[in-house]
Amino acid sequence: MRSRGIIELHPKPGSIGSTVIEDIIFGMGFAHLGYCPGTIAGAVVHDSPDCTVVNYP
């Protein structure tokens, strides 16, 4: 869509570096637990065994 001129992106200065760092942290957590942030909260509430082991060392 950007190549066709339908949309234009205007990233704020400095936001790309912080976004990359946040994505790395998010990706490492996602790969380690296999949960996204919303489902990890649900799994903790339901006392899922795999979350219990990770959250309570």
C-alpha atoms as a PDB file:
ATOM      1  CA  MET A   1       0.000   0.000   0.000  1.00  0.00           C
ATOM      2  CA  ARG A   2       2.893   2.325   0.688  1.00  0.00           C
ATOM      3  CA  SER A   3       4.427   1.637  -2.731  1.00  0.00           C
ATOM      4  CA  ARG A   4       1.123   2.558  -4.396  1.00  0.00           C
ATOM      5  CA  GLY A   5       0.882   5.841  -2.517  1.00  0.00           C
ATOM      6  CA  ILE A   6      -2.214   4.827  -0.571  1.00  0.00           C
ATOM      7  CA  ILE A   7      -0.610   5.342   2.835  1.00  0.00           C
ATOM      8  CA  GLU A   8       2.383   7.223   4.162  1.00  0.00           C
ATOM      9  CA  LEU A   9       4.386   6.207   7.199  1.00  0.00           C
ATOM     10  CA  HIS A  10       5.923   8.824   9.461  1.00  0.00           C
ATOM     11  CA  PRO A  11       7.890   7.085  12.223  1.00  0.00           C
ATOM     12  CA  LYS A  12       8.903   9.332  15.078  1.00  0.00           C
ATOM     13  CA  PRO A  13      12.635   9.810  15.652  1.00  0.00           C
ATOM     14  CA  GLY A  14      13.982   7.185  17.994  1.00  0.00           C
ATOM     15  CA  SER A  15      10.882   5.011  17.882  1.00  0.00           C
ATOM     16  CA  ILE A  16      12.390   2.411  15.548  1.00  0.00           C
ATOM     17  CA  GLY A  17      15.235   1.509  17.929  1.00  0.00           C
ATOM     18  CA  SER A  18      12.953   1.175  20.934  1.00  0.00           C
ATOM     19  CA  THR A  19      10.473  -0.840  18.892  1.00  0.00           C
ATOM     20  CA  VAL A  20      13.185  -3.293  17.868  1.00  0.00           C
ATOM     21  CA  ILE A  21      14.261  -3.758  21.494  1.00  0.00           C
ATOM     22  CA  GLU A  22      10.654  -4.262  22.611  1.00  0.00           C
ATOM     23  CA  ASP A  23      10.072  -6.772  19.805  1.00  0.00           C
ATOM     24  CA  ILE A  24      13.146  -8.766  20.801  1.00  0.00           C
ATOM     25  CA  ILE A  25      11.976  -8.954  24.427  1.00  0.00           C
ATOM     26  CA  PHE A  26       8.436  -9.875  23.333  1.00  0.00           C
ATOM     27  CA  GLY A  27       9.724 -12.517  20.911  1.00  0.00           C
ATOM     28  CA  MET A  28      12.019 -14.105  23.492  1.00  0.00           C
ATOM     29  CA  GLY A  29       9.138 -14.369  25.958  1.00  0.00           C
ATOM     30  CA  PHE A  30       6.816 -15.718  23.300  1.00  0.00           C
ATOM     31  CA  ALA A  31       9.367 -18.332  22.191  1.00  0.00           C
ATOM     32  CA  HIS A  32      10.229 -19.336  25.762  1.00  0.00           C
ATOM     33  CA  LEU A  33       6.658 -19.757  27.037  1.00  0.00           C
ATOM     34  CA  GLY A  34       4.664 -20.240  23.851  1.00  0.00           C
ATOM     35  CA  TYR A  35       2.088 -17.726  25.055  1.00  0.00           C
ATOM     36  CA  CYS A  36       1.231 -14.212  23.988  1.00  0.00           C
ATOM     37  CA  PRO A  37       0.680 -11.688  26.820  1.00  0.00           C
ATOM     38  CA  GLY A  38      -3.111 -12.083  26.906  1.00  0.00           C
ATOM     39  CA  THR A  39      -3.130 -15.859  27.031  1.00  0.00           C
ATOM     40  CA  ILE A  40      -0.339 -16.009  29.623  1.00  0.00           C
ATOM     41  CA  ALA A  41      -2.544 -13.968  31.962  1.00  0.00           C
ATOM     42  CA  GLY A  42      -5.405 -16.397  31.401  1.00  0.00           C
ATOM     43  CA  ALA A  43      -3.143 -19.405  31.928  1.00  0.00           C
ATOM     44  CA  VAL A  44      -1.803 -17.971  35.198  1.00  0.00           C
ATOM     45  CA  VAL A  45      -5.343 -17.298  36.443  1.00  0.00           C
ATOM     46  CA  HIS A  46      -6.344 -20.865  35.602  1.00  0.00           C
ATOM     47  CA  ASP A  47      -3.167 -22.152  37.294  1.00  0.00           C
ATOM     48  CA  SER A  48      -1.844 -23.887  34.205  1.00  0.00           C
ATOM     49  CA  PRO A  49       1.076 -26.191  35.162  1.00  0.00           C
ATOM     50  CA  ASP A  50       3.493 -24.815  32.555  1.00  0.00           C
ATOM     51  CA  CYS A  51       2.945 -21.241  33.750  1.00  0.00           C
ATOM     52  CA  THR A  52       3.248 -22.229  37.381  1.00  0.00           C
ATOM     53  CA  VAL A  53       6.710 -23.686  36.800  1.00  0.00           C
ATOM     54  CA  VAL A  54       7.907 -20.595  34.949  1.00  0.00           C
ATOM     55  CA  ASN A  55       6.339 -17.965  37.210  1.00  0.00           C
ATOM     56  CA  TYR A  56       7.224 -19.518  40.552  1.00  0.00           C
ATOM     57  CA  PRO A  57      10.870 -20.619  40.451  1.00  0.00           C
END
